């Protein structure tokens, strides 16, 4: 019975080590914590754009990677492009904004 407990403890230790290793940053990938932070930033930016009556929120796509927000899609004027970027920059945790919005 002791051997089974010892093997179980060793197995749990190895699983724990592999889990911690899997959460570390590997080249351009995010950790789980960074992914959650980025998802929160994306949600806040989308909500702020949705609440602005001067923007078409369903034409603006928002993605976040390592606190860098990327805006893409279409707007009707250069003023809307600047407004969407200003909104994204105003959200806490945003490091920078890549504005790829196209005026059509």
Protein backbone atom coordinates (compact mmCIF):
# COMPACT_ATOMS: atom_id res chain seq x y z
CA UNK A 1 0.00 0.00 0.00
CA UNK A 2 2.89 2.35 0.78
CA UNK A 3 4.36 1.72 -2.66
CA UNK A 4 1.11 2.81 -4.31
CA UNK A 5 1.03 6.03 -2.25
CA UNK A 6 4.67 6.73 -3.07
CA UNK A 7 4.04 6.16 -6.78
CA UNK A 8 0.98 8.38 -6.58
CA UNK A 9 3.00 11.13 -4.93
CA UNK A 10 5.71 10.88 -7.58
CA UNK A 11 3.09 10.96 -10.34
CA UNK A 12 1.39 14.02 -8.84
CA UNK A 13 4.75 15.79 -8.51
CA UNK A 14 5.61 15.10 -12.15
CA UNK A 15 2.18 16.29 -13.27
CA UNK A 16 2.59 19.46 -11.23
CA UNK A 17 5.99 20.16 -12.73
CA UNK A 18 4.72 19.56 -16.27
CA UNK A 19 1.74 21.86 -15.62
CA UNK A 20 3.98 24.67 -14.39
CA UNK A 21 6.31 24.21 -17.34
CA UNK A 22 3.36 24.35 -19.75
CA UNK A 23 2.34 27.72 -18.31
CA UNK A 24 5.70 29.34 -18.99
CA UNK A 25 6.21 31.63 -21.95
CA UNK A 26 7.49 29.89 -25.06
CA UNK A 27 8.71 32.32 -27.76
CA UNK A 28 5.70 34.34 -28.98
CA UNK A 29 3.06 32.57 -26.91
CA UNK A 30 1.23 33.90 -23.88
CA UNK A 31 0.90 32.43 -20.44
CA UNK A 32 -2.57 31.66 -19.16
CA UNK A 33 -2.49 34.81 -17.04
CA UNK A 34 -1.54 36.98 -20.01
CA UNK A 35 -4.30 35.40 -22.09
CA UNK A 36 -6.87 36.20 -19.40
CA UNK A 37 -5.58 39.78 -19.08
CA UNK A 38 -5.75 40.24 -22.85
CA UNK A 39 -9.28 38.84 -22.98
CA UNK A 40 -10.32 41.35 -20.31
CA UNK A 41 -8.75 44.23 -22.23
CA UNK A 42 -10.46 43.12 -25.44
CA UNK A 43 -13.83 42.97 -23.67
CA UNK A 44 -13.36 46.44 -22.17
CA UNK A 45 -12.38 47.98 -25.52
CA UNK A 46 -15.31 46.31 -27.33
CA UNK A 47 -17.73 47.50 -24.64
CA UNK A 48 -16.42 51.07 -24.81
CA UNK A 49 -16.73 51.08 -28.62
CA UNK A 50 -20.22 49.57 -28.38
CA UNK A 51 -21.30 52.30 -25.95
CA UNK A 52 -20.11 55.09 -28.24
CA UNK A 53 -23.01 56.24 -30.45
CA UNK A 54 -20.64 57.68 -33.07
CA UNK A 55 -19.08 54.33 -33.98
CA UNK A 56 -20.36 51.24 -35.79
CA UNK A 57 -19.27 48.62 -33.24
CA UNK A 58 -20.00 45.58 -35.39
CA UNK A 59 -17.66 46.80 -38.13
CA UNK A 60 -14.69 47.21 -35.78
CA UNK A 61 -12.78 44.11 -34.72
CA UNK A 62 -10.63 44.13 -31.60
CA UNK A 63 -7.81 41.71 -30.77
CA UNK A 64 -5.29 41.92 -27.95
CA UNK A 65 -1.93 40.16 -27.63
CA UNK A 66 0.41 40.92 -24.73
CA UNK A 67 -1.46 44.17 -23.92
CA UNK A 68 -1.21 45.42 -27.53
CA UNK A 69 -4.65 46.15 -28.98
CA UNK A 70 -5.20 45.78 -32.71
CA UNK A 71 -8.18 47.49 -34.30
CA UNK A 72 -9.28 46.32 -37.74
CA UNK A 73 -12.36 46.66 -39.90
CA UNK A 74 -14.13 49.55 -41.55
CA UNK A 75 -15.31 53.00 -40.47
CA UNK A 76 -17.00 55.85 -42.31
CA UNK A 77 -14.55 58.67 -41.59
CA UNK A 78 -11.02 59.45 -40.39
CA UNK A 79 -12.61 60.97 -37.27
CA UNK A 80 -14.09 57.57 -36.39
CA UNK A 81 -10.68 55.97 -36.85
CA UNK A 82 -9.13 58.44 -34.42
CA UNK A 83 -12.03 58.09 -31.98
CA UNK A 84 -11.78 54.29 -31.89
CA UNK A 85 -8.04 54.53 -31.27
CA UNK A 86 -8.55 57.09 -28.49
CA UNK A 87 -11.10 54.82 -26.83
CA UNK A 88 -8.75 51.82 -27.00
CA UNK A 89 -5.84 53.84 -25.57
CA UNK A 90 -8.01 54.99 -22.66
CA UNK A 91 -8.53 51.44 -21.37
CA UNK A 92 -6.35 50.46 -18.42
CA UNK A 93 -3.63 47.94 -19.20
CA UNK A 94 -3.32 48.83 -22.89
CA UNK A 95 0.36 49.23 -23.77
CA UNK A 96 -0.13 50.37 -27.36
CA UNK A 97 -2.73 50.36 -30.14
CA UNK A 98 -2.22 49.19 -33.72
CA UNK A 99 -4.89 50.96 -35.72
CA UNK A 100 -5.61 49.09 -38.95
CA UNK A 101 -9.07 50.56 -39.48
CA UNK A 102 -9.93 51.41 -43.08
CA UNK A 103 -12.12 54.35 -44.09
CA UNK A 104 -14.58 53.46 -46.80
